[in-house]
């Protein structure tokens, strides 16, 4: 399927590894001009080189700390200068620390809000004026299946990713007339560094082995395995393309059937 992405500019945060990297590579394969952001400069350079090698398209790459407003402003300015205004914005960030409600103080809640919610708002606000002016745009927030079915021990992520979903759905109503779609992709358990860290943290808390934790997750997934980042990226790429022009205001859950709810 041709997603009609040739010539489109895509800004992707958290793009040096995992799901963010997979999304950036998939969009580059589809012909988009991608601009990457991540905190780790060495990993970011390696990601850009790998995408160039595998797709023949050299990405723009600039350092980005999504918890820092000044860094977000500098990154969006750099992306605009090196790649152009965003036609597509993919907001992706790592997760906050695991733990129950009594494991986090006020500072932890503020940090989680900066990481997941405030960054999403700031990135969207930087990209939206050009989208509205051109009357075409795609905003995609990478959230989590936890928005549909909260995960024990992840109260920060459960709460703040749900807030992003509320922000996205509100934007949908405001931007539809301008030709801008807004959607969320909600991955389930996916083979990433973040999920490996969660398995290790859960194992330490419950005096088990990380492999036992992963096996427990897999038993709850009808497809019987964790996702590959590329499987999440394929859904995001579809939403970014012309073929998804009538899909907006949605949360697309990509979890192998893990969430048990009907809606």
C-alpha atoms as a PDB file:
ATOM      1  CA  UNK A   1       0.000   0.000   0.000  1.00  0.00           C
ATOM      2  CA  UNK A   2       1.359   3.411  -0.959  1.00  0.00           C
ATOM      3  CA  UNK A   3       0.913   5.692   2.062  1.00  0.00           C
ATOM      4  CA  UNK A   4       1.620   8.763  -0.111  1.00  0.00           C
ATOM      5  CA  UNK A   5       4.340  10.112   2.151  1.00  0.00           C
ATOM      6  CA  UNK A   6       6.883  11.233  -0.442  1.00  0.00           C
ATOM      7  CA  UNK A   7       7.952  14.767   0.379  1.00  0.00           C
ATOM      8  CA  UNK A   8       6.245  14.844   3.765  1.00  0.00           C
ATOM      9  CA  UNK A   9       8.298  15.967   6.759  1.00  0.00           C
ATOM     10  CA  UNK A  10       8.029  13.927   9.963  1.00  0.00           C
ATOM     11  CA  UNK A  11       9.354  14.988  13.355  1.00  0.00           C
ATOM     12  CA  UNK A  12       9.806  12.078  15.778  1.00  0.00           C
ATOM     13  CA  UNK A  13      10.836  12.400  19.418  1.00  0.00           C
ATOM     14  CA  UNK A  14      12.433   9.590  21.396  1.00  0.00           C
ATOM     15  CA  UNK A  15      13.723   8.203  18.107  1.00  0.00           C
ATOM     16  CA  UNK A  16      17.143   6.770  18.941  1.00  0.00           C
ATOM     17  CA  UNK A  17      15.878   3.287  19.832  1.00  0.00           C
ATOM     18  CA  UNK A  18      12.853   1.089  20.435  1.00  0.00           C
ATOM     19  CA  UNK A  19       9.473   2.106  19.102  1.00  0.00           C
ATOM     20  CA  UNK A  20      10.519   5.662  18.239  1.00  0.00           C
ATOM     21  CA  UNK A  21      13.385   4.428  16.087  1.00  0.00           C
ATOM     22  CA  UNK A  22      11.153   1.864  14.393  1.00  0.00           C
ATOM     23  CA  UNK A  23       8.592   4.552  13.548  1.00  0.00           C
ATOM     24  CA  UNK A  24      11.264   6.856  12.126  1.00  0.00           C
ATOM     25  CA  UNK A  25      12.705   4.078   9.966  1.00  0.00           C
ATOM     26  CA  UNK A  26       9.267   3.040   8.705  1.00  0.00           C
ATOM     27  CA  UNK A  27       8.367   6.610   7.740  1.00  0.00           C
ATOM     28  CA  UNK A  28      11.707   7.024   5.964  1.00  0.00           C
ATOM     29  CA  UNK A  29      11.062   3.798   4.051  1.00  0.00           C
ATOM     30  CA  UNK A  30       7.740   5.250   2.944  1.00  0.00           C
ATOM     31  CA  UNK A  31       9.473   8.321   1.542  1.00  0.00           C
ATOM     32  CA  UNK A  32       9.138  10.866   4.355  1.00  0.00           C
ATOM     33  CA  UNK A  33      11.911  13.267   5.310  1.00  0.00           C
ATOM     34  CA  UNK A  34      12.423  12.435   8.980  1.00  0.00           C
ATOM     35  CA  UNK A  35      13.886  14.520  11.789  1.00  0.00           C
ATOM     36  CA  UNK A  36      14.916  12.632  14.908  1.00  0.00           C
ATOM     37  CA  UNK A  37      15.271  13.711  18.514  1.00  0.00           C
ATOM     38  CA  UNK A  38      16.665  11.971  21.591  1.00  0.00           C
ATOM     39  CA  UNK A  39      18.750  12.764  24.674  1.00  0.00           C
ATOM     40  CA  UNK A  40      21.675  10.443  23.976  1.00  0.00           C
ATOM     41  CA  UNK A  41      23.693  12.109  21.225  1.00  0.00           C
ATOM     42  CA  UNK A  42      25.754   9.020  20.448  1.00  0.00           C
ATOM     43  CA  UNK A  43      22.689   6.788  20.154  1.00  0.00           C
ATOM     44  CA  UNK A  44      20.947   9.456  18.078  1.00  0.00           C
ATOM     45  CA  UNK A  45      23.827   9.641  15.589  1.00  0.00           C
ATOM     46  CA  UNK A  46      23.900   5.844  15.349  1.00  0.00           C
ATOM     47  CA  UNK A  47      20.140   5.738  14.716  1.00  0.00           C
ATOM     48  CA  UNK A  48      20.397   8.355  11.964  1.00  0.00           C
ATOM     49  CA  UNK A  49      23.253   6.467  10.311  1.00  0.00           C
ATOM     50  CA  UNK A  50      21.356   3.190  10.459  1.00  0.00           C
ATOM     51  CA  UNK A  51      18.233   4.716   8.912  1.00  0.00           C
ATOM     52  CA  UNK A  52      20.310   6.284   6.150  1.00  0.00           C
ATOM     53  CA  UNK A  53      22.009   2.951   5.465  1.00  0.00           C
ATOM     54  CA  UNK A  54      18.784   0.933   5.440  1.00  0.00           C
ATOM     55  CA  UNK A  55      16.534   3.371   3.560  1.00  0.00           C
ATOM     56  CA  UNK A  56      18.855   5.532   1.500  1.00  0.00           C
ATOM     57  CA  UNK A  57      17.407   8.628   3.154  1.00  0.00           C
ATOM     58  CA  UNK A  58      19.573  10.679   5.510  1.00  0.00           C
ATOM     59  CA  UNK A  59      17.541  11.881   8.510  1.00  0.00           C
ATOM     60  CA  UNK A  60      18.040  15.146  10.306  1.00  0.00           C
ATOM     61  CA  UNK A  61      19.002  14.478  13.919  1.00  0.00           C
ATOM     62  CA  UNK A  62      19.169  16.934  16.800  1.00  0.00           C
ATOM     63  CA  UNK A  63      19.463  16.435  20.587  1.00  0.00           C
ATOM     64  CA  UNK A  64      16.218  16.607  22.532  1.00  0.00           C
ATOM     65  CA  UNK A  65      15.309  16.357  26.199  1.00  0.00           C
ATOM     66  CA  UNK A  66      11.516  16.329  26.272  1.00  0.00           C
ATOM     67  CA  UNK A  67      11.478  17.214  29.978  1.00  0.00           C
ATOM     68  CA  UNK A  68      13.135  20.573  29.245  1.00  0.00           C
ATOM     69  CA  UNK A  69      11.091  23.342  27.608  1.00  0.00           C
ATOM     70  CA  UNK A  70      14.182  25.101  26.259  1.00  0.00           C
ATOM     71  CA  UNK A  71      15.410  21.859  24.678  1.00  0.00           C
ATOM     72  CA  UNK A  72      12.034  21.317  23.013  1.00  0.00           C
ATOM     73  CA  UNK A  73      12.088  24.846  21.582  1.00  0.00           C
ATOM     74  CA  UNK A  74      15.655  24.417  20.308  1.00  0.00           C
ATOM     75  CA  UNK A  75      14.838  21.023  18.777  1.00  0.00           C
ATOM     76  CA  UNK A  76      11.749  22.195  16.932  1.00  0.00           C
ATOM     77  CA  UNK A  77      13.667  25.194  15.577  1.00  0.00           C
ATOM     78  CA  UNK A  78      16.486  22.908  14.425  1.00  0.00           C
ATOM     79  CA  UNK A  79      14.063  20.464  12.783  1.00  0.00           C
ATOM     80  CA  UNK A  80      12.354  23.316  10.992  1.00  0.00           C
ATOM     81  CA  UNK A  81      15.666  24.604   9.662  1.00  0.00           C
ATOM     82  CA  UNK A  82      17.139  21.237   8.647  1.00  0.00           C
ATOM     83  CA  UNK A  83      14.067  19.360   7.426  1.00  0.00           C
ATOM     84  CA  UNK A  84      11.165  21.807   7.190  1.00  0.00           C
ATOM     85  CA  UNK A  85       7.904  22.349   9.017  1.00  0.00           C
ATOM     86  CA  UNK A  86       6.331  19.167  10.299  1.00  0.00           C
ATOM     87  CA  UNK A  87       3.580  17.587   8.228  1.00  0.00           C
ATOM     88  CA  UNK A  88       3.694  14.672  10.657  1.00  0.00           C
ATOM     89  CA  UNK A  89       4.490  14.805  14.364  1.00  0.00           C
ATOM     90  CA  UNK A  90       5.108  11.603  16.308  1.00  0.00           C
ATOM     91  CA  UNK A  91       5.362  12.230  20.045  1.00  0.00           C
ATOM     92  CA  UNK A  92       7.203   9.407  21.772  1.00  0.00           C
ATOM     93  CA  UNK A  93       8.878   9.319  25.167  1.00  0.00           C
ATOM     94  CA  UNK A  94      10.133   6.761  27.625  1.00  0.00           C
ATOM     95  CA  UNK A  95       8.147   5.871  30.692  1.00  0.00           C
ATOM     96  CA  UNK A  96       8.425   7.197  34.242  1.00  0.00           C
ATOM     97  CA  UNK A  97       9.570   4.998  37.148  1.00  0.00           C
ATOM     98  CA  UNK A  98       7.478   2.040  38.213  1.00  0.00           C
ATOM     99  CA  UNK A  99       5.863   1.917  41.634  1.00  0.00           C
ATOM    100  CA  UNK A 100       2.594   2.078  43.558  1.00  0.00           C
ATOM    101  CA  UNK A 101       0.963   5.314  44.735  1.00  0.00           C
ATOM    102  CA  UNK A 102       2.985   5.507  47.939  1.00  0.00           C
ATOM    103  CA  UNK A 103       6.315   5.128  46.122  1.00  0.00           C
ATOM    104  CA  UNK A 104       6.195   8.557  44.465  1.00  0.00           C
ATOM    105  CA  UNK A 105       6.429  12.008  45.993  1.00  0.00           C
ATOM    106  CA  UNK A 106       5.225  15.284  44.486  1.00  0.00           C
ATOM    107  CA  UNK A 107       8.498  15.745  42.617  1.00  0.00           C
ATOM    108  CA  UNK A 108       8.067  12.370  40.922  1.00  0.00           C
ATOM    109  CA  UNK A 109       4.576  13.313  39.773  1.00  0.00           C
ATOM    110  CA  UNK A 110       5.845  16.616  38.386  1.00  0.00           C
ATOM    111  CA  UNK A 111       8.683  14.868  36.577  1.00  0.00           C
ATOM    112  CA  UNK A 112       6.271  12.344  35.069  1.00  0.00           C
ATOM    113  CA  UNK A 113       4.001  15.149  33.908  1.00  0.00           C
ATOM    114  CA  UNK A 114       6.963  16.893  32.271  1.00  0.00           C
ATOM    115  CA  UNK A 115       8.040  13.671  30.567  1.00  0.00           C
ATOM    116  CA  UNK A 116       4.673  12.564  29.198  1.00  0.00           C
ATOM    117  CA  UNK A 117       2.082  15.359  29.235  1.00  0.00           C
ATOM    118  CA  UNK A 118       3.849  18.715  29.135  1.00  0.00           C
ATOM    119  CA  UNK A 119       6.218  17.509  26.431  1.00  0.00           C
ATOM    120  CA  UNK A 120       3.307  16.318  24.287  1.00  0.00           C
ATOM    121  CA  UNK A 121       1.614  19.692  24.565  1.00  0.00           C
ATOM    122  CA  UNK A 122       4.790  21.649  23.814  1.00  0.00           C
ATOM    123  CA  UNK A 123       5.709  19.542  20.781  1.00  0.00           C
ATOM    124  CA  UNK A 124       2.202  19.716  19.366  1.00  0.00           C
ATOM    125  CA  UNK A 125       1.958  23.470  19.878  1.00  0.00           C
ATOM    126  CA  UNK A 126       5.238  23.926  17.995  1.00  0.00           C
ATOM    127  CA  UNK A 127       4.123  21.821  15.033  1.00  0.00           C
ATOM    128  CA  UNK A 128       0.467  22.770  14.685  1.00  0.00           C
ATOM    129  CA  UNK A 129       0.655  26.315  13.242  1.00  0.00           C
ATOM    130  CA  UNK A 130       2.276  25.108  10.014  1.00  0.00           C
ATOM    131  CA  UNK A 131      -0.106  22.150   9.759  1.00  0.00           C
ATOM    132  CA  UNK A 132      -3.107  24.432  10.120  1.00  0.00           C
ATOM    133  CA  UNK A 133      -1.690  26.862   7.570  1.00  0.00           C
ATOM    134  CA  UNK A 134      -1.190  24.087   5.010  1.00  0.00           C
ATOM    135  CA  UNK A 135      -4.515  22.470   5.938  1.00  0.00           C
ATOM    136  CA  UNK A 136      -2.882  19.050   6.238  1.00  0.00           C
ATOM    137  CA  UNK A 137      -1.283  17.373   9.198  1.00  0.00           C
ATOM    138  CA  UNK A 138      -0.909  14.225  11.251  1.00  0.00           C
ATOM    139  CA  UNK A 139      -0.316  14.236  15.000  1.00  0.00           C
ATOM    140  CA  UNK A 140       0.374  10.834  16.546  1.00  0.00           C
ATOM    141  CA  UNK A 141       0.923  10.303  20.256  1.00  0.00           C
ATOM    142  CA  UNK A 142       2.542   7.054  21.340  1.00  0.00           C
ATOM    143  CA  UNK A 143       0.807   6.121  24.602  1.00  0.00           C
ATOM    144  CA  UNK A 144       0.206   2.678  26.105  1.00  0.00           C
ATOM    145  CA  UNK A 145      -2.347  -0.089  26.449  1.00  0.00           C
ATOM    146  CA  UNK A 146      -2.392   1.088  30.080  1.00  0.00           C
ATOM    147  CA  UNK A 147      -4.800   3.825  28.950  1.00  0.00           C
ATOM    148  CA  UNK A 148      -7.293   1.059  28.149  1.00  0.00           C
ATOM    149  CA  UNK A 149      -6.352  -1.300  30.962  1.00  0.00           C
ATOM    150  CA  UNK A 150      -4.161   0.184  33.742  1.00  0.00           C
ATOM    151  CA  UNK A 151      -1.132  -1.892  34.655  1.00  0.00           C
ATOM    152  CA  UNK A 152      -0.391  -2.649  38.314  1.00  0.00           C
ATOM    153  CA  UNK A 153       2.690  -0.865  39.605  1.00  0.00           C
ATOM    154  CA  UNK A 154       2.696   1.803  36.888  1.00  0.00           C
ATOM    155  CA  UNK A 155       0.528   4.489  38.466  1.00  0.00           C
ATOM    156  CA  UNK A 156       2.549   7.364  36.996  1.00  0.00           C
ATOM    157  CA  UNK A 157       2.364   6.010  33.461  1.00  0.00           C
ATOM    158  CA  UNK A 158      -1.283   4.949  33.818  1.00  0.00           C
ATOM    159  CA  UNK A 159      -2.295   8.439  34.914  1.00  0.00           C
ATOM    160  CA  UNK A 160      -0.217  10.657  32.647  1.00  0.00           C
ATOM    161  CA  UNK A 161      -0.658   8.650  29.458  1.00  0.00           C
ATOM    162  CA  UNK A 162      -4.411   8.810  30.034  1.00  0.00           C
ATOM    163  CA  UNK A 163      -4.041  12.596  30.286  1.00  0.00           C
ATOM    164  CA  UNK A 164      -2.322  12.607  26.887  1.00  0.00           C
ATOM    165  CA  UNK A 165      -5.259  10.654  25.482  1.00  0.00           C
ATOM    166  CA  UNK A 166      -7.638  13.317  26.805  1.00  0.00           C
ATOM    167  CA  UNK A 167      -5.513  16.072  25.268  1.00  0.00           C
ATOM    168  CA  UNK A 168      -5.421  14.260  21.932  1.00  0.00           C
ATOM    169  CA  UNK A 169      -9.182  13.748  21.852  1.00  0.00           C
ATOM    170  CA  UNK A 170      -9.736  17.429  22.637  1.00  0.00           C
ATOM    171  CA  UNK A 171      -7.376  18.456  19.825  1.00  0.00           C
ATOM    172  CA  UNK A 172      -9.348  16.266  17.433  1.00  0.00           C
ATOM    173  CA  UNK A 173     -12.428  18.443  17.830  1.00  0.00           C
ATOM    174  CA  UNK A 174     -10.445  21.651  17.410  1.00  0.00           C
ATOM    175  CA  UNK A 175      -8.349  20.661  14.393  1.00  0.00           C
ATOM    176  CA  UNK A 176     -10.610  18.585  12.190  1.00  0.00           C
ATOM    177  CA  UNK A 177     -11.776  21.542  10.118  1.00  0.00           C
ATOM    178  CA  UNK A 178      -8.130  22.421   9.421  1.00  0.00           C
ATOM    179  CA  UNK A 179      -7.421  19.022   7.889  1.00  0.00           C
ATOM    180  CA  UNK A 180      -5.283  17.817  10.809  1.00  0.00           C
ATOM    181  CA  UNK A 181      -5.900  14.357  12.253  1.00  0.00           C
ATOM    182  CA  UNK A 182      -4.930  13.429  15.804  1.00  0.00           C
ATOM    183  CA  UNK A 183      -4.582   9.844  16.975  1.00  0.00           C
ATOM    184  CA  UNK A 184      -2.896   7.764  19.651  1.00  0.00           C
ATOM    185  CA  UNK A 185      -1.130   4.451  19.202  1.00  0.00           C
ATOM    186  CA  UNK A 186      -1.235   2.374  22.387  1.00  0.00           C
ATOM    187  CA  UNK A 187       1.342  -0.422  22.381  1.00  0.00           C
ATOM    188  CA  UNK A 188       1.087  -3.414  24.620  1.00  0.00           C
ATOM    189  CA  UNK A 189       4.076  -5.364  25.896  1.00  0.00           C
ATOM    190  CA  UNK A 190       6.791  -4.766  23.305  1.00  0.00           C
ATOM    191  CA  UNK A 191      10.373  -6.014  23.195  1.00  0.00           C
ATOM    192  CA  UNK A 192      12.161  -2.787  24.140  1.00  0.00           C
ATOM    193  CA  UNK A 193      14.693  -1.661  26.742  1.00  0.00           C
ATOM    194  CA  UNK A 194      11.855  -0.088  28.727  1.00  0.00           C
ATOM    195  CA  UNK A 195       9.970  -3.382  28.997  1.00  0.00           C
ATOM    196  CA  UNK A 196      13.159  -5.192  29.991  1.00  0.00           C
ATOM    197  CA  UNK A 197      13.649  -2.608  32.760  1.00  0.00           C
ATOM    198  CA  UNK A 198      10.068  -3.102  33.960  1.00  0.00           C
ATOM    199  CA  UNK A 199      10.558  -6.866  34.046  1.00  0.00           C
ATOM    200  CA  UNK A 200      13.716  -6.423  36.107  1.00  0.00           C
ATOM    201  CA  UNK A 201      12.015  -3.986  38.500  1.00  0.00           C
ATOM    202  CA  UNK A 202       9.018  -6.264  38.974  1.00  0.00           C
ATOM    203  CA  UNK A 203      11.270  -9.263  39.523  1.00  0.00           C
ATOM    204  CA  UNK A 204      13.266  -7.423  42.169  1.00  0.00           C
ATOM    205  CA  UNK A 205      10.104  -6.289  43.941  1.00  0.00           C
ATOM    206  CA  UNK A 206       8.567  -9.784  43.978  1.00  0.00           C
ATOM    207  CA  UNK A 207      11.719 -11.879  44.467  1.00  0.00           C
ATOM    208  CA  UNK A 208      11.427 -13.578  41.078  1.00  0.00           C
ATOM    209  CA  UNK A 209      13.430 -13.727  37.863  1.00  0.00           C
ATOM    210  CA  UNK A 210      12.851 -11.302  34.944  1.00  0.00           C
ATOM    211  CA  UNK A 211      12.248 -14.262  32.615  1.00  0.00           C
ATOM    212  CA  UNK A 212       9.404 -15.418  34.880  1.00  0.00           C
ATOM    213  CA  UNK A 213       7.825 -11.949  34.719  1.00  0.00           C
ATOM    214  CA  UNK A 214       8.006 -11.900  30.928  1.00  0.00           C
ATOM    215  CA  UNK A 215       6.521 -15.393  30.756  1.00  0.00           C
ATOM    216  CA  UNK A 216       3.622 -14.210  32.918  1.00  0.00           C
ATOM    217  CA  UNK A 217       2.969 -11.313  30.537  1.00  0.00           C
ATOM    218  CA  UNK A 218       3.129 -13.597  27.520  1.00  0.00           C
ATOM    219  CA  UNK A 219       0.572 -15.980  29.045  1.00  0.00           C
ATOM    220  CA  UNK A 220      -1.904 -13.079  29.208  1.00  0.00           C
ATOM    221  CA  UNK A 221      -1.456 -12.201  25.517  1.00  0.00           C
ATOM    222  CA  UNK A 222      -3.663 -14.205  23.123  1.00  0.00           C
ATOM    223  CA  UNK A 223      -0.999 -14.071  20.390  1.00  0.00           C
ATOM    224  CA  UNK A 224       1.430 -15.625  22.868  1.00  0.00           C
ATOM    225  CA  UNK A 225       4.397 -13.281  22.430  1.00  0.00           C
ATOM    226  CA  UNK A 226       5.639  -9.748  22.934  1.00  0.00           C
ATOM    227  CA  UNK A 227       5.384  -7.325  20.029  1.00  0.00           C
ATOM    228  CA  UNK A 228       8.311  -6.273  17.896  1.00  0.00           C
ATOM    229  CA  UNK A 229       8.775  -2.471  17.674  1.00  0.00           C
ATOM    230  CA  UNK A 230       8.286  -2.740  13.919  1.00  0.00           C
ATOM    231  CA  UNK A 231       4.731  -3.981  14.439  1.00  0.00           C
ATOM    232  CA  UNK A 232       3.883  -0.826  16.387  1.00  0.00           C
ATOM    233  CA  UNK A 233       5.637   1.328  13.796  1.00  0.00           C
ATOM    234  CA  UNK A 234       3.554  -0.089  10.958  1.00  0.00           C
ATOM    235  CA  UNK A 235       0.358   1.161  12.598  1.00  0.00           C
ATOM    236  CA  UNK A 236       1.842   4.603  13.245  1.00  0.00           C
ATOM    237  CA  UNK A 237       3.003   4.843   9.621  1.00  0.00           C
ATOM    238  CA  UNK A 238      -0.485   4.038   8.366  1.00  0.00           C
ATOM    239  CA  UNK A 239      -1.987   6.777  10.533  1.00  0.00           C
ATOM    240  CA  UNK A 240       0.624   9.207   9.174  1.00  0.00           C
ATOM    241  CA  UNK A 241      -0.315   8.566   5.572  1.00  0.00           C
ATOM    242  CA  UNK A 242      -2.925   9.804   3.148  1.00  0.00           C
ATOM    243  CA  UNK A 243      -4.794   6.485   3.326  1.00  0.00           C
ATOM    244  CA  UNK A 244      -5.784   7.257   6.931  1.00  0.00           C
ATOM    245  CA  UNK A 245      -7.332  10.612   6.052  1.00  0.00           C
ATOM    246  CA  UNK A 246     -10.660   9.801   7.762  1.00  0.00           C
ATOM    247  CA  UNK A 247      -9.180   8.309  10.941  1.00  0.00           C
ATOM    248  CA  UNK A 248      -8.996  10.804  13.777  1.00  0.00           C
ATOM    249  CA  UNK A 249      -9.685  10.941  17.496  1.00  0.00           C
ATOM    250  CA  UNK A 250      -8.807   7.276  17.897  1.00  0.00           C
ATOM    251  CA  UNK A 251      -6.663   5.228  20.214  1.00  0.00           C
ATOM    252  CA  UNK A 252      -5.369   2.267  18.217  1.00  0.00           C
ATOM    253  CA  UNK A 253      -4.375  -0.475  20.644  1.00  0.00           C
ATOM    254  CA  UNK A 254      -1.585  -2.740  19.344  1.00  0.00           C
ATOM    255  CA  UNK A 255      -1.271  -5.326  22.080  1.00  0.00           C
ATOM    256  CA  UNK A 256      -1.765  -8.815  20.654  1.00  0.00           C
ATOM    257  CA  UNK A 257      -5.214  -8.955  22.274  1.00  0.00           C
ATOM    258  CA  UNK A 258      -3.961  -8.331  25.817  1.00  0.00           C
ATOM    259  CA  UNK A 259      -6.601  -5.778  26.889  1.00  0.00           C
ATOM    260  CA  UNK A 260      -9.855  -7.542  27.730  1.00  0.00           C
ATOM    261  CA  UNK A 261     -12.280  -4.615  27.276  1.00  0.00           C
ATOM    262  CA  UNK A 262     -14.758  -4.470  24.391  1.00  0.00           C
ATOM    263  CA  UNK A 263     -14.026  -0.817  23.564  1.00  0.00           C
END
